[in-house]
PDB file of N, CA and C in Angstrom:
ATOM      1  N   MET A   1      -1.583  -3.103  15.440  1.00  0.00           N
ATOM      2  CA  MET A   1      -0.974  -3.102  14.249  1.00  0.00           C
ATOM      3  C   MET A   1      -0.257  -1.883  14.019  1.00  0.00           C
ATOM      4  N   ALA A   2       0.724  -1.884  13.329  1.00  0.00           N
ATOM      5  CA  ALA A   2       1.517  -0.685  12.874  1.00  0.00           C
ATOM      6  C   ALA A   2       2.558  -1.005  11.779  1.00  0.00           C
ATOM      7  N   SER A   3       2.536   0.348  10.872  1.00  0.00           N
ATOM      8  CA  SER A   3       3.519   0.457   9.948  1.00  0.00           C
ATOM      9  C   SER A   3       4.139   1.503  10.161  1.00  0.00           C
ATOM     10  N   VAL A   4       5.365   1.409  10.075  1.00  0.00           N
ATOM     11  CA  VAL A   4       6.189   2.733  10.322  1.00  0.00           C
ATOM     12  C   VAL A   4       7.379   2.777   8.985  1.00  0.00           C
ATOM     13  N   ASN A   5       7.071   4.117   8.215  1.00  0.00           N
ATOM     14  CA  ASN A   5       7.770   4.381   6.959  1.00  0.00           C
ATOM     15  C   ASN A   5       8.943   5.287   7.472  1.00  0.00           C
ATOM     16  N   THR A   6      10.069   4.625   7.250  1.00  0.00           N
ATOM     17  CA  THR A   6      11.111   5.132   7.695  1.00  0.00           C
ATOM     18  C   THR A   6      11.746   6.147   6.569  1.00  0.00           C
ATOM     19  N   ALA A   7      11.248   6.364   5.131  1.00  0.00           N
ATOM     20  CA  ALA A   7      11.167   7.210   4.268  1.00  0.00           C
ATOM     21  C   ALA A   7      10.724   8.533   4.632  1.00  0.00           C
ATOM     22  N   GLY A   8       9.969   8.838   5.656  1.00  0.00           N
ATOM     23  CA  GLY A   8       9.338   9.841   5.741  1.00  0.00           C
ATOM     24  C   GLY A   8       7.596  10.081   5.360  1.00  0.00           C
ATOM     25  N   ASP A   9       7.515   9.013   4.465  1.00  0.00           N
ATOM     26  CA  ASP A   9       5.806   8.915   3.900  1.00  0.00           C
ATOM     27  C   ASP A   9       5.065   8.541   5.152  1.00  0.00           C
ATOM     28  N   THR A  10       3.643   8.275   4.843  1.00  0.00           N
ATOM     29  CA  THR A  10       2.636   7.904   5.767  1.00  0.00           C
ATOM     30  C   THR A  10       2.798   6.594   6.352  1.00  0.00           C
ATOM     31  N   SER A  11       2.971   6.771   7.844  1.00  0.00           N
ATOM     32  CA  SER A  11       2.872   5.574   8.865  1.00  0.00           C
ATOM     33  C   SER A  11       1.625   5.521   9.431  1.00  0.00           C
ATOM     34  N   PHE A  12       1.161   4.226  10.063  1.00  0.00           N
ATOM     35  CA  PHE A  12      -0.032   4.284  10.325  1.00  0.00           C
ATOM     36  C   PHE A  12      -0.053   2.954  11.557  1.00  0.00           C
ATOM     37  N   GLY A  13      -1.079   3.314  12.520  1.00  0.00           N
ATOM     38  CA  GLY A  13      -1.250   2.304  13.541  1.00  0.00           C
ATOM     39  C   GLY A  13      -2.494   2.236  13.996  1.00  0.00           C
ATOM     40  N   GLY A  14      -2.912   0.739  14.483  1.00  0.00           N
ATOM     41  CA  GLY A  14      -4.715   0.810  14.710  1.00  0.00           C
ATOM     42  C   GLY A  14      -4.725  -0.560  15.379  1.00  0.00           C
ATOM     43  N   VAL A  15      -5.973  -0.784  15.285  1.00  0.00           N
ATOM     44  CA  VAL A  15      -6.338  -2.102  16.495  1.00  0.00           C
ATOM     45  C   VAL A  15      -7.672  -2.309  15.438  1.00  0.00           C
ATOM     46  N   GLY A  16      -7.974  -3.890  15.820  1.00  0.00           N
ATOM     47  CA  GLY A  16      -9.105  -4.643  15.032  1.00  0.00           C
ATOM     48  C   GLY A  16      -9.409  -5.960  15.492  1.00  0.00           C
ATOM     49  N   LEU A  17      -9.988  -6.473  14.796  1.00  0.00           N
ATOM     50  CA  LEU A  17     -10.152  -7.838  14.979  1.00  0.00           C
ATOM     51  C   LEU A  17      -9.842  -9.158  13.700  1.00  0.00           C
ATOM     52  N   GLU A  18      -9.134 -10.113  14.009  1.00  0.00           N
ATOM     53  CA  GLU A  18      -9.130 -11.091  12.894  1.00  0.00           C
ATOM     54  C   GLU A  18      -9.578 -12.470  13.429  1.00  0.00           C
ATOM     55  N   TRP A  19     -10.177 -13.128  12.593  1.00  0.00           N
ATOM     56  CA  TRP A  19     -10.794 -14.257  12.599  1.00  0.00           C
ATOM     57  C   TRP A  19      -9.886 -15.472  12.120  1.00  0.00           C
ATOM     58  N   ARG A  20      -9.469 -16.710  12.596  1.00  0.00           N
ATOM     59  CA  ARG A  20      -9.035 -17.571  11.896  1.00  0.00           C
ATOM     60  C   ARG A  20     -10.021 -18.647  11.519  1.00  0.00           C
ATOM     61  N   TRP A  21     -10.103 -19.143  10.314  1.00  0.00           N
ATOM     62  CA  TRP A  21     -10.916 -20.704  10.090  1.00  0.00           C
ATOM     63  C   TRP A  21     -10.004 -21.412   9.173  1.00  0.00           C
ATOM     64  N   ASP A  22      -9.722 -22.595   9.691  1.00  0.00           N
ATOM     65  CA  ASP A  22      -8.891 -23.545   9.151  1.00  0.00           C
ATOM     66  C   ASP A  22      -9.575 -24.379   8.509  1.00  0.00           C
ATOM     67  N   PHE A  23      -9.384 -24.377   7.077  1.00  0.00           N
ATOM     68  CA  PHE A  23     -10.350 -24.826   6.079  1.00  0.00           C
ATOM     69  C   PHE A  23      -9.615 -26.440   5.728  1.00  0.00           C
ATOM     70  N   ALA A  24      -8.391 -26.648   5.894  1.00  0.00           N
ATOM     71  CA  ALA A  24      -7.667 -27.887   5.338  1.00  0.00           C
ATOM     72  C   ALA A  24      -6.543 -28.041   6.380  1.00  0.00           C
ATOM     73  N   ASP A  25      -6.040 -29.213   6.411  1.00  0.00           N
ATOM     74  CA  ASP A  25      -4.682 -29.729   7.202  1.00  0.00           C
ATOM     75  C   ASP A  25      -3.632 -28.381   6.763  1.00  0.00           C
ATOM     76  N   GLY A  26      -3.205 -27.806   7.724  1.00  0.00           N
ATOM     77  CA  GLY A  26      -2.224 -26.765   7.857  1.00  0.00           C
ATOM     78  C   GLY A  26      -2.528 -25.370   7.150  1.00  0.00           C
ATOM     79  N   TRP A  27      -3.798 -25.158   6.696  1.00  0.00           N
ATOM     80  CA  TRP A  27      -4.114 -24.199   6.001  1.00  0.00           C
ATOM     81  C   TRP A  27      -5.159 -23.490   6.759  1.00  0.00           C
ATOM     82  N   ALA A  28      -5.103 -22.034   6.977  1.00  0.00           N
ATOM     83  CA  ALA A  28      -6.258 -21.199   7.384  1.00  0.00           C
ATOM     84  C   ALA A  28      -6.506 -20.248   6.686  1.00  0.00           C
ATOM     85  N   LEU A  29      -7.746 -19.519   7.128  1.00  0.00           N
ATOM     86  CA  LEU A  29      -8.242 -18.375   5.724  1.00  0.00           C
ATOM     87  C   LEU A  29      -8.313 -16.983   7.244  1.00  0.00           C
ATOM     88  N   GLU A  30      -7.871 -16.032   6.828  1.00  0.00           N
ATOM     89  CA  GLU A  30      -7.782 -14.921   8.392  1.00  0.00           C
ATOM     90  C   GLU A  30      -8.586 -13.765   7.686  1.00  0.00           C
ATOM     91  N   PRO A  31      -9.610 -13.019   7.878  1.00  0.00           N
ATOM     92  CA  PRO A  31     -10.264 -12.399   7.489  1.00  0.00           C
ATOM     93  C   PRO A  31     -10.197 -11.226   8.678  1.00  0.00           C
ATOM     94  N   GLY A  32     -10.213  -9.632   8.704  1.00  0.00           N
ATOM     95  CA  GLY A  32      -9.901  -8.784   9.662  1.00  0.00           C
ATOM     96  C   GLY A  32     -10.471  -7.602   9.189  1.00  0.00           C
ATOM     97  N   VAL A  33     -11.128  -6.875   9.885  1.00  0.00           N
ATOM     98  CA  VAL A  33     -11.417  -5.479  10.189  1.00  0.00           C
ATOM     99  C   VAL A  33     -10.890  -4.615  11.120  1.00  0.00           C
ATOM    100  N   GLY A  34     -10.687  -3.582  11.082  1.00  0.00           N
ATOM    101  CA  GLY A  34     -10.193  -2.535  12.389  1.00  0.00           C
ATOM    102  C   GLY A  34     -10.332  -1.300  11.769  1.00  0.00           C
ATOM    103  N   TYR A  35      -9.851  -0.207  12.444  1.00  0.00           N
ATOM    104  CA  TYR A  35      -9.540   1.211  12.878  1.00  0.00           C
ATOM    105  C   TYR A  35      -8.011   1.448  12.602  1.00  0.00           C
ATOM    106  N   VAL A  36      -7.729   2.475  11.863  1.00  0.00           N
ATOM    107  CA  VAL A  36      -6.193   2.945  11.928  1.00  0.00           C
ATOM    108  C   VAL A  36      -6.295   4.566  11.810  1.00  0.00           C
ATOM    109  N   PHE A  37      -4.992   5.017  12.328  1.00  0.00           N
ATOM    110  CA  PHE A  37      -4.938   6.396  12.447  1.00  0.00           C
ATOM    111  C   PHE A  37      -3.421   6.591  11.533  1.00  0.00           C
ATOM    112  N   HIS A  38      -3.382   7.824  10.815  1.00  0.00           N
ATOM    113  CA  HIS A  38      -2.212   7.739  10.113  1.00  0.00           C
ATOM    114  C   HIS A  38      -1.423   9.099  10.456  1.00  0.00           C
ATOM    115  N   ASP A  39      -0.465   9.380   9.792  1.00  0.00           N
ATOM    116  CA  ASP A  39       0.040  10.685   9.863  1.00  0.00           C
ATOM    117  C   ASP A  39       0.617  11.369   8.640  1.00  0.00           C
ATOM    118  N   GLY A  40      -0.335  10.824   7.282  1.00  0.00           N
ATOM    119  CA  GLY A  40      -0.258  11.415   5.873  1.00  0.00           C
ATOM    120  C   GLY A  40      -1.198  12.543   5.718  1.00  0.00           C
ATOM    121  N   ALA A  41      -1.052  12.989   4.233  1.00  0.00           N
ATOM    122  CA  ALA A  41      -1.608  14.115   4.066  1.00  0.00           C
ATOM    123  C   ALA A  41      -3.067  13.507   4.144  1.00  0.00           C
ATOM    124  N   VAL A  42      -4.123  14.603   4.146  1.00  0.00           N
ATOM    125  CA  VAL A  42      -5.537  14.480   4.325  1.00  0.00           C
ATOM    126  C   VAL A  42      -6.148  15.260   3.238  1.00  0.00           C
ATOM    127  N   GLU A  43      -5.581  16.219   2.805  1.00  0.00           N
ATOM    128  CA  GLU A  43      -5.984  17.337   1.897  1.00  0.00           C
ATOM    129  C   GLU A  43      -5.052  18.083   1.228  1.00  0.00           C
ATOM    130  N   ASN A  44      -5.418  18.340  -0.456  1.00  0.00           N
ATOM    131  CA  ASN A  44      -4.192  19.465  -0.607  1.00  0.00           C
ATOM    132  C   ASN A  44      -3.923  20.650  -0.045  1.00  0.00           C
ATOM    133  N   PRO A  45      -2.965  21.572   0.473  1.00  0.00           N
ATOM    134  CA  PRO A  45      -3.091  22.616   1.374  1.00  0.00           C
ATOM    135  C   PRO A  45      -3.085  23.836   0.310  1.00  0.00           C
ATOM    136  N   TYR A  46      -2.832  23.527  -1.056  1.00  0.00           N
ATOM    137  CA  TYR A  46      -2.643  24.354  -2.029  1.00  0.00           C
ATOM    138  C   TYR A  46      -3.759  24.865  -3.154  1.00  0.00           C
ATOM    139  N   PRO A  47      -3.817  25.656  -3.428  1.00  0.00           N
ATOM    140  CA  PRO A  47      -4.917  26.472  -4.625  1.00  0.00           C
ATOM    141  C   PRO A  47      -4.846  25.304  -5.476  1.00  0.00           C
ATOM    142  N   GLY A  48      -6.420  24.660  -5.894  1.00  0.00           N
ATOM    143  CA  GLY A  48      -6.587  23.997  -7.255  1.00  0.00           C
ATOM    144  C   GLY A  48      -6.342  24.696  -8.361  1.00  0.00           C
ATOM    145  N   GLY A  49      -5.498  23.582  -9.080  1.00  0.00           N
ATOM    146  CA  GLY A  49      -5.129  24.168 -10.640  1.00  0.00           C
ATOM    147  C   GLY A  49      -3.938  25.083 -10.210  1.00  0.00           C
ATOM    148  N   SER A  50      -3.133  25.216  -9.257  1.00  0.00           N
ATOM    149  CA  SER A  50      -1.580  25.851  -8.927  1.00  0.00           C
ATOM    150  C   SER A  50      -0.649  24.917  -9.061  1.00  0.00           C
ATOM    151  N   PRO A  51       0.374  25.274  -9.815  1.00  0.00           N
ATOM    152  CA  PRO A  51       1.660  24.224 -10.143  1.00  0.00           C
ATOM    153  C   PRO A  51       1.822  23.685  -8.442  1.00  0.00           C
ATOM    154  N   GLU A  52       1.871  24.047  -7.760  1.00  0.00           N
ATOM    155  CA  GLU A  52       1.913  23.601  -6.186  1.00  0.00           C
ATOM    156  C   GLU A  52       0.834  22.511  -5.865  1.00  0.00           C
ATOM    157  N   ASN A  53      -0.192  22.915  -6.080  1.00  0.00           N
ATOM    158  CA  ASN A  53      -1.294  21.824  -5.882  1.00  0.00           C
ATOM    159  C   ASN A  53      -0.738  20.610  -6.742  1.00  0.00           C
ATOM    160  N   VAL A  54      -0.448  20.783  -8.093  1.00  0.00           N
ATOM    161  CA  VAL A  54      -0.030  19.752  -8.871  1.00  0.00           C
ATOM    162  C   VAL A  54       1.143  18.589  -8.226  1.00  0.00           C
ATOM    163  N   ALA A  55       2.130  19.808  -8.164  1.00  0.00           N
ATOM    164  CA  ALA A  55       3.151  19.199  -7.346  1.00  0.00           C
ATOM    165  C   ALA A  55       2.806  18.158  -6.127  1.00  0.00           C
ATOM    166  N   PHE A  56       2.018  18.739  -5.583  1.00  0.00           N
ATOM    167  CA  PHE A  56       2.060  18.255  -4.197  1.00  0.00           C
ATOM    168  C   PHE A  56       0.770  16.833  -4.291  1.00  0.00           C
ATOM    169  N   SER A  57       0.353  17.029  -5.253  1.00  0.00           N
ATOM    170  CA  SER A  57      -1.033  15.835  -5.574  1.00  0.00           C
ATOM    171  C   SER A  57       0.063  14.524  -6.115  1.00  0.00           C
ATOM    172  N   GLU A  58       0.785  14.971  -6.544  1.00  0.00           N
ATOM    173  CA  GLU A  58       2.016  14.026  -7.420  1.00  0.00           C
ATOM    174  C   GLU A  58       2.757  13.219  -6.440  1.00  0.00           C
ATOM    175  N   ASP A  59       3.183  14.114  -5.314  1.00  0.00           N
ATOM    176  CA  ASP A  59       4.081  13.082  -4.279  1.00  0.00           C
ATOM    177  C   ASP A  59       3.396  12.679  -2.843  1.00  0.00           C
ATOM    178  N   HIS A  60       1.901  12.919  -3.168  1.00  0.00           N
ATOM    179  CA  HIS A  60       1.386  12.363  -1.639  1.00  0.00           C
ATOM    180  C   HIS A  60       0.071  12.016  -2.061  1.00  0.00           C
ATOM    181  N   LEU A  61      -0.278  11.063  -1.245  1.00  0.00           N
ATOM    182  CA  LEU A  61      -1.665  10.303  -1.171  1.00  0.00           C
ATOM    183  C   LEU A  61      -2.611  10.845  -0.381  1.00  0.00           C
ATOM    184  N   LEU A  62      -3.637  11.482  -0.740  1.00  0.00           N
ATOM    185  CA  LEU A  62      -4.554  12.092   0.202  1.00  0.00           C
ATOM    186  C   LEU A  62      -5.571  11.167   0.400  1.00  0.00           C
ATOM    187  N   LEU A  63      -5.549  11.206   1.513  1.00  0.00           N
ATOM    188  CA  LEU A  63      -6.505   9.954   2.458  1.00  0.00           C
ATOM    189  C   LEU A  63      -7.869  10.780   2.748  1.00  0.00           C
ATOM    190  N   GLY A  64      -7.798  12.063   2.698  1.00  0.00           N
ATOM    191  CA  GLY A  64      -9.272  12.822   3.326  1.00  0.00           C
ATOM    192  C   GLY A  64      -9.547  12.639   4.578  1.00  0.00           C
ATOM    193  N   SER A  65      -9.217  11.868   5.437  1.00  0.00           N
ATOM    194  CA  SER A  65      -9.501  11.855   6.991  1.00  0.00           C
ATOM    195  C   SER A  65      -8.131  11.072   7.559  1.00  0.00           C
ATOM    196  N   GLU A  66      -7.938  11.374   8.862  1.00  0.00           N
ATOM    197  CA  GLU A  66      -6.965  10.949   9.957  1.00  0.00           C
ATOM    198  C   GLU A  66      -7.430   9.608  10.176  1.00  0.00           C
ATOM    199  N   ASP A  67      -8.742   9.141   9.955  1.00  0.00           N
ATOM    200  CA  ASP A  67      -9.277   8.017  10.606  1.00  0.00           C
ATOM    201  C   ASP A  67      -9.354   7.215   9.457  1.00  0.00           C
ATOM    202  N   LEU A  68      -9.087   5.936   9.412  1.00  0.00           N
ATOM    203  CA  LEU A  68      -9.711   4.725   8.442  1.00  0.00           C
ATOM    204  C   LEU A  68      -9.681   3.616   8.714  1.00  0.00           C
ATOM    205  N   PHE A  69     -11.019   3.221   8.176  1.00  0.00           N
ATOM    206  CA  PHE A  69     -10.936   1.690   8.098  1.00  0.00           C
ATOM    207  C   PHE A  69      -9.896   0.663   7.639  1.00  0.00           C
ATOM    208  N   ARG A  70      -9.538  -0.271   8.230  1.00  0.00           N
ATOM    209  CA  ARG A  70      -8.880  -1.424   7.393  1.00  0.00           C
ATOM    210  C   ARG A  70      -9.646  -2.907   7.358  1.00  0.00           C
ATOM    211  N   THR A  71      -9.541  -3.082   6.222  1.00  0.00           N
ATOM    212  CA  THR A  71     -10.273  -4.362   5.816  1.00  0.00           C
ATOM    213  C   THR A  71      -8.862  -5.425   5.245  1.00  0.00           C
ATOM    214  N   SER A  72      -8.971  -6.649   5.936  1.00  0.00           N
ATOM    215  CA  SER A  72      -7.887  -7.401   5.294  1.00  0.00           C
ATOM    216  C   SER A  72      -8.309  -9.065   5.379  1.00  0.00           C
ATOM    217  N   ILE A  73      -7.628  -9.701   4.658  1.00  0.00           N
ATOM    218  CA  ILE A  73      -7.520 -11.142   4.157  1.00  0.00           C
ATOM    219  C   ILE A  73      -6.075 -11.615   4.194  1.00  0.00           C
ATOM    220  N   GLY A  74      -6.063 -12.758   4.884  1.00  0.00           N
ATOM    221  CA  GLY A  74      -4.561 -13.691   4.573  1.00  0.00           C
ATOM    222  C   GLY A  74      -5.193 -15.247   4.488  1.00  0.00           C
ATOM    223  N   LEU A  75      -3.925 -15.811   3.910  1.00  0.00           N
ATOM    224  CA  LEU A  75      -3.921 -17.023   3.910  1.00  0.00           C
ATOM    225  C   LEU A  75      -2.618 -17.633   4.101  1.00  0.00           C
ATOM    226  N   THR A  76      -2.989 -18.262   5.217  1.00  0.00           N
ATOM    227  CA  THR A  76      -2.014 -18.660   6.414  1.00  0.00           C
ATOM    228  C   THR A  76      -1.577 -20.157   6.215  1.00  0.00           C
ATOM    229  N   ARG A  77      -0.361 -20.562   5.846  1.00  0.00           N
ATOM    230  CA  ARG A  77       0.445 -22.111   6.130  1.00  0.00           C
ATOM    231  C   ARG A  77       0.876 -22.169   7.286  1.00  0.00           C
ATOM    232  N   ASP A  78       0.567 -23.363   8.181  1.00  0.00           N
ATOM    233  CA  ASP A  78       1.285 -23.635   9.164  1.00  0.00           C
ATOM    234  C   ASP A  78       2.079 -24.820   8.786  1.00  0.00           C
ATOM    235  N   PHE A  79       3.527 -24.264   9.177  1.00  0.00           N
ATOM    236  CA  PHE A  79       4.690 -25.160   8.895  1.00  0.00           C
ATOM    237  C   PHE A  79       4.978 -25.983  10.058  1.00  0.00           C
ATOM    238  N   GLU A  80       5.821 -26.894  10.225  1.00  0.00           N
ATOM    239  CA  GLU A  80       6.252 -27.801  11.294  1.00  0.00           C
ATOM    240  C   GLU A  80       6.761 -26.763  12.560  1.00  0.00           C
ATOM    241  N   GLY A  81       6.393 -27.379  13.306  1.00  0.00           N
ATOM    242  CA  GLY A  81       6.576 -26.533  14.751  1.00  0.00           C
ATOM    243  C   GLY A  81       6.001 -25.129  14.699  1.00  0.00           C
ATOM    244  N   PRO A  82       6.600 -24.488  15.687  1.00  0.00           N
ATOM    245  CA  PRO A  82       5.646 -23.045  15.792  1.00  0.00           C
ATOM    246  C   PRO A  82       5.827 -21.954  14.823  1.00  0.00           C
ATOM    247  N   TRP A  83       6.238 -22.471  13.525  1.00  0.00           N
ATOM    248  CA  TRP A  83       6.485 -21.470  12.306  1.00  0.00           C
ATOM    249  C   TRP A  83       4.872 -21.343  11.416  1.00  0.00           C
ATOM    250  N   GLU A  84       4.966 -20.431  10.834  1.00  0.00           N
ATOM    251  CA  GLU A  84       3.696 -20.255  10.102  1.00  0.00           C
ATOM    252  C   GLU A  84       3.981 -19.061   8.972  1.00  0.00           C
ATOM    253  N   GLY A  85       3.684 -19.040   7.786  1.00  0.00           N
ATOM    254  CA  GLY A  85       3.715 -18.046   6.559  1.00  0.00           C
ATOM    255  C   GLY A  85       2.177 -17.649   6.131  1.00  0.00           C
ATOM    256  N   GLN A  86       2.157 -16.318   5.591  1.00  0.00           N
ATOM    257  CA  GLN A  86       0.876 -16.221   5.293  1.00  0.00           C
ATOM    258  C   GLN A  86       1.160 -14.963   4.024  1.00  0.00           C
ATOM    259  N   VAL A  87       0.228 -15.071   3.228  1.00  0.00           N
ATOM    260  CA  VAL A  87       0.134 -14.004   1.963  1.00  0.00           C
ATOM    261  C   VAL A  87      -1.027 -13.223   2.426  1.00  0.00           C
ATOM    262  N   PHE A  88      -1.179 -11.755   2.691  1.00  0.00           N
ATOM    263  CA  PHE A  88      -2.094 -11.102   2.711  1.00  0.00           C
ATOM    264  C   PHE A  88      -2.612  -9.771   1.784  1.00  0.00           C
ATOM    265  N   PHE A  89      -3.545  -9.259   1.993  1.00  0.00           N
ATOM    266  CA  PHE A  89      -3.953  -7.850   1.296  1.00  0.00           C
ATOM    267  C   PHE A  89      -4.758  -7.233   2.310  1.00  0.00           C
ATOM    268  N   GLU A  90      -4.155  -6.102   2.434  1.00  0.00           N
ATOM    269  CA  GLU A  90      -5.274  -5.061   3.287  1.00  0.00           C
ATOM    270  C   GLU A  90      -5.537  -3.998   2.258  1.00  0.00           C
ATOM    271  N   HIS A  91      -6.643  -3.010   2.702  1.00  0.00           N
ATOM    272  CA  HIS A  91      -7.021  -2.029   2.275  1.00  0.00           C
ATOM    273  C   HIS A  91      -7.424  -1.181   3.211  1.00  0.00           C
ATOM    274  N   LEU A  92      -6.759   0.148   3.048  1.00  0.00           N
ATOM    275  CA  LEU A  92      -7.270   1.375   4.098  1.00  0.00           C
ATOM    276  C   LEU A  92      -8.273   2.188   3.448  1.00  0.00           C
ATOM    277  N   SER A  93      -9.144   3.021   3.761  1.00  0.00           N
ATOM    278  CA  SER A  93      -9.508   4.085   3.334  1.00  0.00           C
ATOM    279  C   SER A  93     -10.668   4.429   4.529  1.00  0.00           C
ATOM    280  N   HIS A  94     -11.308   5.681   4.255  1.00  0.00           N
ATOM    281  CA  HIS A  94     -12.416   5.920   5.227  1.00  0.00           C
ATOM    282  C   HIS A  94     -13.759   5.527   4.490  1.00  0.00           C
ATOM    283  N   GLY A  95     -13.908   5.533   3.219  1.00  0.00           N
ATOM    284  CA  GLY A  95     -14.924   4.909   2.366  1.00  0.00           C
ATOM    285  C   GLY A  95     -16.159   5.698   2.577  1.00  0.00           C
ATOM    286  N   GLN A  96     -15.808   7.241   2.877  1.00  0.00           N
ATOM    287  CA  GLN A  96     -16.699   8.209   2.670  1.00  0.00           C
ATOM    288  C   GLN A  96     -17.900   8.099   4.229  1.00  0.00           C
ATOM    289  N   ILE A  97     -17.657   7.278   5.140  1.00  0.00           N
ATOM    290  CA  ILE A  97     -18.181   7.149   6.133  1.00  0.00           C
ATOM    291  C   ILE A  97     -17.577   8.002   7.293  1.00  0.00           C
ATOM    292  N   ILE A  98     -16.262   7.999   7.575  1.00  0.00           N
ATOM    293  CA  ILE A  98     -15.784   8.678   8.693  1.00  0.00           C
ATOM    294  C   ILE A  98     -15.170   9.603   7.897  1.00  0.00           C
ATOM    295  N   GLY A  99     -15.146  10.209   6.900  1.00  0.00           N
ATOM    296  CA  GLY A  99     -14.640  11.231   6.112  1.00  0.00           C
ATOM    297  C   GLY A  99     -15.296  11.712   4.906  1.00  0.00           C
ATOM    298  N   SER A 100     -14.630  12.540   4.332  1.00  0.00           N
ATOM    299  CA  SER A 100     -15.444  13.238   3.304  1.00  0.00           C
ATOM    300  C   SER A 100     -14.363  13.852   2.279  1.00  0.00           C
ATOM    301  N   GLY A 101     -14.462  13.860   1.131  1.00  0.00           N
ATOM    302  CA  GLY A 101     -13.467  14.652   0.094  1.00  0.00           C
ATOM    303  C   GLY A 101     -12.830  13.253  -0.478  1.00  0.00           C
ATOM    304  N   HIS A 102     -11.661  13.702  -0.312  1.00  0.00           N
ATOM    305  CA  HIS A 102     -10.464  12.675  -1.235  1.00  0.00           C
ATOM    306  C   HIS A 102     -10.537  11.428  -0.410  1.00  0.00           C
ATOM    307  N   ASN A 103     -10.495  10.445  -1.018  1.00  0.00           N
ATOM    308  CA  ASN A 103     -10.504   8.782  -0.435  1.00  0.00           C
ATOM    309  C   ASN A 103      -9.744   8.002  -1.414  1.00  0.00           C
ATOM    310  N   GLN A 104      -8.395   8.195  -1.594  1.00  0.00           N
ATOM    311  CA  GLN A 104      -7.618   7.349  -2.334  1.00  0.00           C
ATOM    312  C   GLN A 104      -7.114   6.092  -2.017  1.00  0.00           C
ATOM    313  N   GLY A 105      -7.408   6.164  -0.531  1.00  0.00           N
ATOM    314  CA  GLY A 105      -6.940   4.726   0.113  1.00  0.00           C
ATOM    315  C   GLY A 105      -5.716   4.341  -0.236  1.00  0.00           C
ATOM    316  N   VAL A 106      -5.355   3.183   0.430  1.00  0.00           N
ATOM    317  CA  VAL A 106      -3.992   2.516   0.711  1.00  0.00           C
ATOM    318  C   VAL A 106      -4.555   0.926   0.381  1.00  0.00           C
ATOM    319  N   ASP A 107      -3.623   0.177  -0.656  1.00  0.00           N
ATOM    320  CA  ASP A 107      -3.866  -1.174  -0.869  1.00  0.00           C
ATOM    321  C   ASP A 107      -2.366  -1.984  -0.504  1.00  0.00           C
ATOM    322  N   GLN A 108      -2.300  -2.697   0.145  1.00  0.00           N
ATOM    323  CA  GLN A 108      -1.139  -3.613   0.303  1.00  0.00           C
ATOM    324  C   GLN A 108      -1.162  -4.807   0.206  1.00  0.00           C
ATOM    325  N   ILE A 109      -0.311  -5.421  -0.645  1.00  0.00           N
ATOM    326  CA  ILE A 109      -0.295  -7.110  -0.472  1.00  0.00           C
ATOM    327  C   ILE A 109       1.345  -7.189  -0.181  1.00  0.00           C
ATOM    328  N   GLY A 110       1.402  -8.562   0.692  1.00  0.00           N
ATOM    329  CA  GLY A 110       2.466  -8.797   1.114  1.00  0.00           C
ATOM    330  C   GLY A 110       2.489 -10.337   1.787  1.00  0.00           C
ATOM    331  N   ILE A 111       3.965 -10.566   2.303  1.00  0.00           N
ATOM    332  CA  ILE A 111       4.119 -12.060   2.887  1.00  0.00           C
ATOM    333  C   ILE A 111       4.326 -11.673   4.652  1.00  0.00           C
ATOM    334  N   ARG A 112       4.135 -12.240   5.106  1.00  0.00           N
ATOM    335  CA  ARG A 112       4.813 -12.395   6.487  1.00  0.00           C
ATOM    336  C   ARG A 112       5.125 -14.069   7.150  1.00  0.00           C
ATOM    337  N   PHE A 113       5.753 -13.939   8.003  1.00  0.00           N
ATOM    338  CA  PHE A 113       6.304 -15.006   8.739  1.00  0.00           C
ATOM    339  C   PHE A 113       6.165 -14.851   9.930  1.00  0.00           C
ATOM    340  N   GLY A 114       5.615 -15.946  10.906  1.00  0.00           N
ATOM    341  CA  GLY A 114       5.252 -15.815  11.890  1.00  0.00           C
ATOM    342  C   GLY A 114       5.729 -17.054  13.141  1.00  0.00           C
ATOM    343  N   TYR A 115       5.931 -16.664  14.189  1.00  0.00           N
ATOM    344  CA  TYR A 115       6.358 -17.598  15.290  1.00  0.00           C
ATOM    345  C   TYR A 115       5.218 -17.782  16.145  1.00  0.00           C
ATOM    346  N   GLN A 116       4.761 -18.833  16.508  1.00  0.00           N
ATOM    347  CA  GLN A 116       3.522 -19.289  17.500  1.00  0.00           C
ATOM    348  C   GLN A 116       3.903 -19.598  18.498  1.00  0.00           C
ATOM    349  N   LEU A 117       3.964 -18.465  19.687  1.00  0.00           N
ATOM    350  CA  LEU A 117       4.478 -18.728  21.006  1.00  0.00           C
ATOM    351  C   LEU A 117       3.744 -19.673  21.837  1.00  0.00           C
ATOM    352  N   GLY A 118       4.451 -20.426  22.442  1.00  0.00           N
ATOM    353  CA  GLY A 118       3.800 -21.663  23.188  1.00  0.00           C
ATOM    354  C   GLY A 118       3.294 -22.763  22.628  1.00  0.00           C
ATOM    355  N   ARG A 119       3.768 -22.994  21.568  1.00  0.00           N
ATOM    356  CA  ARG A 119       3.306 -24.166  20.629  1.00  0.00           C
ATOM    357  C   ARG A 119       4.755 -24.474  19.901  1.00  0.00           C
ATOM    358  N   ASP A 120       4.691 -26.047  20.052  1.00  0.00           N
ATOM    359  CA  ASP A 120       5.901 -27.141  19.895  1.00  0.00           C
ATOM    360  C   ASP A 120       5.965 -27.123  18.190  1.00  0.00           C
TER     361      ASP A 120
END
């Protein structure tokens, strides 16, 4: 998976596993776990309390590590034919396990539409 930020903010890419549990006709729950890396800020480069430090902290999310865990959950609805829609939530952070210091993390919620190849 990948997320590219064209405005110059944090972009990330990674790998992981997702499971699909069909729980009702046309409905599925899809939890997932994985690993991502990003190009965003890890720590504030300016001395604490300085005006530069405050300005940098206001403009940047401090993730504390270039390596992050990814957890996600999606609720998927299969439509007629090969189409599906999904509402999802994902969380990225190092959880004080693969990093130390700042751990602001990133939460995202969204909607996806998919086309399943090889399905009529």
